[in-house]
């Protein structure tokens, strides 16, 4: 079964910069050494509602705690996580 792990919000000006910021946090896959990283820019998702306390982006659901972080700099916010095989 595939699931998501290591979800973080980072601020960047490009997906490459977001990937570097995420990797700098030291986040690693929990179980799958071949896990795929997914990088989603909140402002690029037409269904993303910055006013909502909850959101779906990519394959993850963002709780109010994540939305508080996203809304610190909404135009530069990326959600980054791993897809892992369990």
N, C-alpha and C. Protein backbone atom coordinates (compact mmCIF):
# COMPACT_ATOMS: atom_id res chain seq x y z
N UNK A 1 0.84 -1.18 0.00
CA UNK A 1 0.00 0.00 0.00
C UNK A 1 0.88 1.24 0.00
N UNK A 2 0.53 2.21 -0.82
CA UNK A 2 1.29 3.45 -0.90
C UNK A 2 0.64 4.48 0.02
N UNK A 3 1.49 5.19 0.78
CA UNK A 3 0.99 6.25 1.65
C UNK A 3 1.98 7.41 1.64
N UNK A 4 1.57 8.55 2.18
CA UNK A 4 2.43 9.72 2.21
C UNK A 4 3.10 9.84 3.57
N UNK A 5 4.32 10.35 3.57
CA UNK A 5 5.06 10.59 4.82
C UNK A 5 5.88 11.86 4.68
N UNK A 6 6.28 12.39 5.81
CA UNK A 6 7.22 13.51 5.83
C UNK A 6 6.68 14.81 5.28
N UNK A 7 5.39 15.04 5.40
CA UNK A 7 4.80 16.26 4.84
C UNK A 7 5.34 17.50 5.55
N UNK A 8 5.80 18.46 4.74
CA UNK A 8 6.29 19.74 5.27
C UNK A 8 5.85 20.85 4.33
N UNK A 9 5.75 22.06 4.87
CA UNK A 9 5.54 23.26 4.08
C UNK A 9 6.86 24.00 4.05
N UNK A 10 7.32 24.35 2.85
CA UNK A 10 8.54 25.14 2.69
C UNK A 10 8.21 26.34 1.80
N UNK A 11 9.03 27.36 1.88
CA UNK A 11 8.83 28.55 1.07
C UNK A 11 9.97 28.66 0.08
N UNK A 12 9.61 28.86 -1.19
CA UNK A 12 10.61 28.89 -2.25
C UNK A 12 10.08 29.64 -3.46
N UNK A 13 11.00 29.95 -4.38
CA UNK A 13 10.63 30.64 -5.61
C UNK A 13 10.54 29.69 -6.81
N UNK A 14 10.89 28.41 -6.60
CA UNK A 14 10.79 27.41 -7.66
C UNK A 14 10.69 26.03 -7.02
N UNK A 15 10.27 25.06 -7.81
CA UNK A 15 10.18 23.70 -7.26
C UNK A 15 11.56 23.15 -6.92
N UNK A 16 12.58 23.54 -7.68
CA UNK A 16 13.94 23.10 -7.37
C UNK A 16 14.40 23.65 -6.03
N UNK A 17 14.08 24.92 -5.78
CA UNK A 17 14.43 25.55 -4.50
C UNK A 17 13.63 24.91 -3.36
N UNK A 18 12.37 24.55 -3.63
CA UNK A 18 11.54 23.88 -2.61
C UNK A 18 12.12 22.52 -2.27
N UNK A 19 12.57 21.79 -3.28
CA UNK A 19 13.19 20.48 -3.04
C UNK A 19 14.44 20.63 -2.18
N UNK A 20 15.27 21.61 -2.50
CA UNK A 20 16.49 21.84 -1.73
C UNK A 20 16.17 22.23 -0.29
N UNK A 21 15.15 23.06 -0.09
CA UNK A 21 14.76 23.47 1.26
C UNK A 21 14.25 22.27 2.06
N UNK A 22 13.48 21.41 1.42
CA UNK A 22 12.95 20.20 2.06
C UNK A 22 14.10 19.27 2.44
N UNK A 23 15.01 19.05 1.51
CA UNK A 23 16.16 18.17 1.79
C UNK A 23 17.03 18.75 2.90
N UNK A 24 17.14 20.07 2.98
CA UNK A 24 17.93 20.72 4.03
C UNK A 24 17.33 20.47 5.42
N UNK A 25 16.02 20.20 5.47
CA UNK A 25 15.37 19.88 6.74
C UNK A 25 15.75 18.49 7.24
N UNK A 26 16.35 17.69 6.37
CA UNK A 26 16.77 16.34 6.77
C UNK A 26 15.65 15.32 6.78
N UNK A 27 14.54 15.62 6.11
CA UNK A 27 13.41 14.68 6.07
C UNK A 27 13.79 13.51 5.18
N UNK A 28 13.60 12.31 5.70
CA UNK A 28 13.90 11.08 4.95
C UNK A 28 12.66 10.20 4.90
N UNK A 29 12.58 9.34 3.89
CA UNK A 29 11.47 8.37 3.87
C UNK A 29 11.52 7.51 5.14
N UNK A 30 10.36 7.11 5.62
CA UNK A 30 10.30 6.32 6.85
C UNK A 30 10.68 4.86 6.63
N UNK A 31 10.24 4.28 5.49
CA UNK A 31 10.45 2.84 5.28
C UNK A 31 10.98 2.48 3.91
N UNK A 32 10.66 3.25 2.90
CA UNK A 32 10.93 2.89 1.51
C UNK A 32 12.09 3.72 0.97
N UNK A 33 13.26 3.11 0.76
CA UNK A 33 14.40 3.87 0.25
C UNK A 33 14.19 4.39 -1.18
N UNK A 34 13.19 3.85 -1.87
CA UNK A 34 12.89 4.28 -3.24
C UNK A 34 11.66 5.20 -3.30
N UNK A 35 11.33 5.81 -2.17
CA UNK A 35 10.15 6.68 -2.11
C UNK A 35 10.28 7.82 -3.11
N UNK A 36 9.15 8.22 -3.69
CA UNK A 36 9.09 9.33 -4.63
C UNK A 36 8.69 10.60 -3.88
N UNK A 37 9.42 11.67 -4.13
CA UNK A 37 9.10 12.96 -3.53
C UNK A 37 8.09 13.68 -4.43
N UNK A 38 7.08 14.29 -3.81
CA UNK A 38 6.11 15.09 -4.55
C UNK A 38 6.21 16.53 -4.04
N UNK A 39 6.20 17.48 -4.96
CA UNK A 39 6.35 18.90 -4.64
C UNK A 39 5.16 19.64 -5.25
N UNK A 40 4.34 20.26 -4.41
CA UNK A 40 3.12 20.94 -4.88
C UNK A 40 3.15 22.41 -4.46
N UNK A 41 2.99 23.31 -5.42
CA UNK A 41 2.91 24.74 -5.11
C UNK A 41 1.45 25.10 -4.87
N UNK A 42 1.17 25.59 -3.70
CA UNK A 42 -0.22 25.90 -3.32
C UNK A 42 -0.87 26.89 -4.27
N UNK A 43 -0.17 27.94 -4.64
CA UNK A 43 -0.74 28.98 -5.50
C UNK A 43 -1.04 28.49 -6.91
N UNK A 44 -0.45 27.38 -7.33
CA UNK A 44 -0.70 26.84 -8.67
C UNK A 44 -1.90 25.92 -8.73
N UNK A 45 -2.46 25.55 -7.59
CA UNK A 45 -3.62 24.65 -7.56
C UNK A 45 -4.89 25.50 -7.58
N UNK A 46 -5.67 25.44 -8.67
CA UNK A 46 -6.85 26.30 -8.76
C UNK A 46 -7.93 25.99 -7.71
N UNK A 47 -7.88 24.81 -7.12
CA UNK A 47 -8.87 24.45 -6.10
C UNK A 47 -8.40 24.75 -4.68
N UNK A 48 -7.18 25.21 -4.53
CA UNK A 48 -6.64 25.51 -3.20
C UNK A 48 -7.30 26.77 -2.67
N UNK A 49 -7.86 26.70 -1.48
CA UNK A 49 -8.57 27.82 -0.87
C UNK A 49 -7.78 28.32 0.34
N UNK A 50 -7.10 29.42 0.18
CA UNK A 50 -6.27 29.96 1.26
C UNK A 50 -7.09 30.40 2.46
N UNK A 51 -8.38 30.63 2.28
CA UNK A 51 -9.26 31.05 3.37
C UNK A 51 -9.78 29.87 4.19
N UNK A 52 -9.65 28.67 3.67
CA UNK A 52 -10.17 27.48 4.35
C UNK A 52 -9.19 26.98 5.41
N UNK A 53 -9.70 26.46 6.53
CA UNK A 53 -8.80 25.90 7.54
C UNK A 53 -8.23 24.54 7.13
N UNK A 54 -8.85 23.88 6.15
CA UNK A 54 -8.39 22.59 5.65
C UNK A 54 -8.27 22.67 4.13
N UNK A 55 -7.33 21.92 3.55
CA UNK A 55 -7.18 21.86 2.11
C UNK A 55 -6.64 20.51 1.69
N UNK A 56 -6.92 20.15 0.46
CA UNK A 56 -6.31 19.00 -0.18
C UNK A 56 -5.38 19.52 -1.26
N UNK A 57 -4.16 18.98 -1.29
CA UNK A 57 -3.23 19.32 -2.35
C UNK A 57 -2.40 18.09 -2.64
N UNK A 58 -2.22 17.80 -3.91
CA UNK A 58 -1.55 16.55 -4.25
C UNK A 58 -2.31 15.40 -3.63
N UNK A 59 -1.62 14.62 -2.83
CA UNK A 59 -2.24 13.47 -2.16
C UNK A 59 -2.39 13.66 -0.66
N UNK A 60 -2.22 14.89 -0.17
CA UNK A 60 -2.30 15.11 1.27
C UNK A 60 -3.39 16.11 1.64
N UNK A 61 -3.89 15.94 2.85
CA UNK A 61 -4.86 16.85 3.43
C UNK A 61 -4.11 17.75 4.42
N UNK A 62 -4.32 19.04 4.31
CA UNK A 62 -3.65 19.99 5.20
C UNK A 62 -4.60 20.43 6.30
N UNK A 63 -4.17 20.25 7.53
CA UNK A 63 -4.93 20.66 8.71
C UNK A 63 -4.70 22.14 8.98
N UNK A 64 -5.43 22.72 9.94
CA UNK A 64 -5.23 24.14 10.26
C UNK A 64 -3.78 24.49 10.63
N UNK A 65 -3.07 23.57 11.26
CA UNK A 65 -1.67 23.85 11.62
C UNK A 65 -0.82 24.07 10.36
N UNK A 66 -1.04 23.25 9.34
CA UNK A 66 -0.31 23.42 8.08
C UNK A 66 -0.77 24.69 7.37
N UNK A 67 -2.07 24.96 7.40
CA UNK A 67 -2.59 26.15 6.73
C UNK A 67 -2.06 27.43 7.37
N UNK A 68 -1.85 27.42 8.68
CA UNK A 68 -1.24 28.58 9.34
C UNK A 68 0.14 28.86 8.76
N UNK A 69 0.89 27.80 8.49
CA UNK A 69 2.23 27.96 7.90
C UNK A 69 2.11 28.44 6.46
N UNK A 70 1.27 27.79 5.67
CA UNK A 70 1.07 28.18 4.27
C UNK A 70 0.74 29.66 4.16
N UNK A 71 -0.14 30.13 5.02
CA UNK A 71 -0.61 31.51 4.93
C UNK A 71 0.39 32.55 5.41
N UNK A 72 1.55 32.12 5.89
CA UNK A 72 2.61 33.07 6.22
C UNK A 72 3.18 33.71 4.95
N UNK A 73 3.17 32.94 3.85
CA UNK A 73 3.67 33.43 2.55
C UNK A 73 3.01 32.59 1.45
N UNK A 74 1.71 32.79 1.22
CA UNK A 74 0.95 31.90 0.35
C UNK A 74 1.49 31.76 -1.07
N UNK A 75 2.01 32.81 -1.64
CA UNK A 75 2.49 32.73 -3.02
C UNK A 75 3.78 31.94 -3.17
N UNK A 76 4.51 31.73 -2.09
CA UNK A 76 5.78 30.99 -2.14
C UNK A 76 5.68 29.63 -1.44
N UNK A 77 4.50 29.28 -0.96
CA UNK A 77 4.34 28.04 -0.18
C UNK A 77 4.27 26.81 -1.09
N UNK A 78 5.09 25.84 -0.74
CA UNK A 78 5.08 24.52 -1.38
C UNK A 78 4.82 23.48 -0.31
N UNK A 79 4.06 22.45 -0.67
CA UNK A 79 3.87 21.29 0.20
C UNK A 79 4.69 20.17 -0.41
N UNK A 80 5.57 19.60 0.40
CA UNK A 80 6.47 18.55 -0.08
C UNK A 80 6.31 17.33 0.81
N UNK A 81 6.30 16.16 0.20
CA UNK A 81 6.13 14.91 0.96
C UNK A 81 6.65 13.75 0.12
N UNK A 82 6.77 12.59 0.77
CA UNK A 82 7.16 11.36 0.08
C UNK A 82 5.96 10.46 -0.12
N UNK A 83 5.96 9.71 -1.24
CA UNK A 83 5.07 8.57 -1.46
C UNK A 83 5.89 7.34 -1.10
N UNK A 84 5.40 6.55 -0.16
CA UNK A 84 6.14 5.35 0.25
C UNK A 84 5.30 4.09 0.09
N UNK A 85 5.98 3.01 -0.26
CA UNK A 85 5.37 1.69 -0.28
C UNK A 85 5.51 1.10 1.11
N UNK A 86 4.39 0.65 1.68
CA UNK A 86 4.44 0.08 3.03
C UNK A 86 4.37 -1.43 2.98
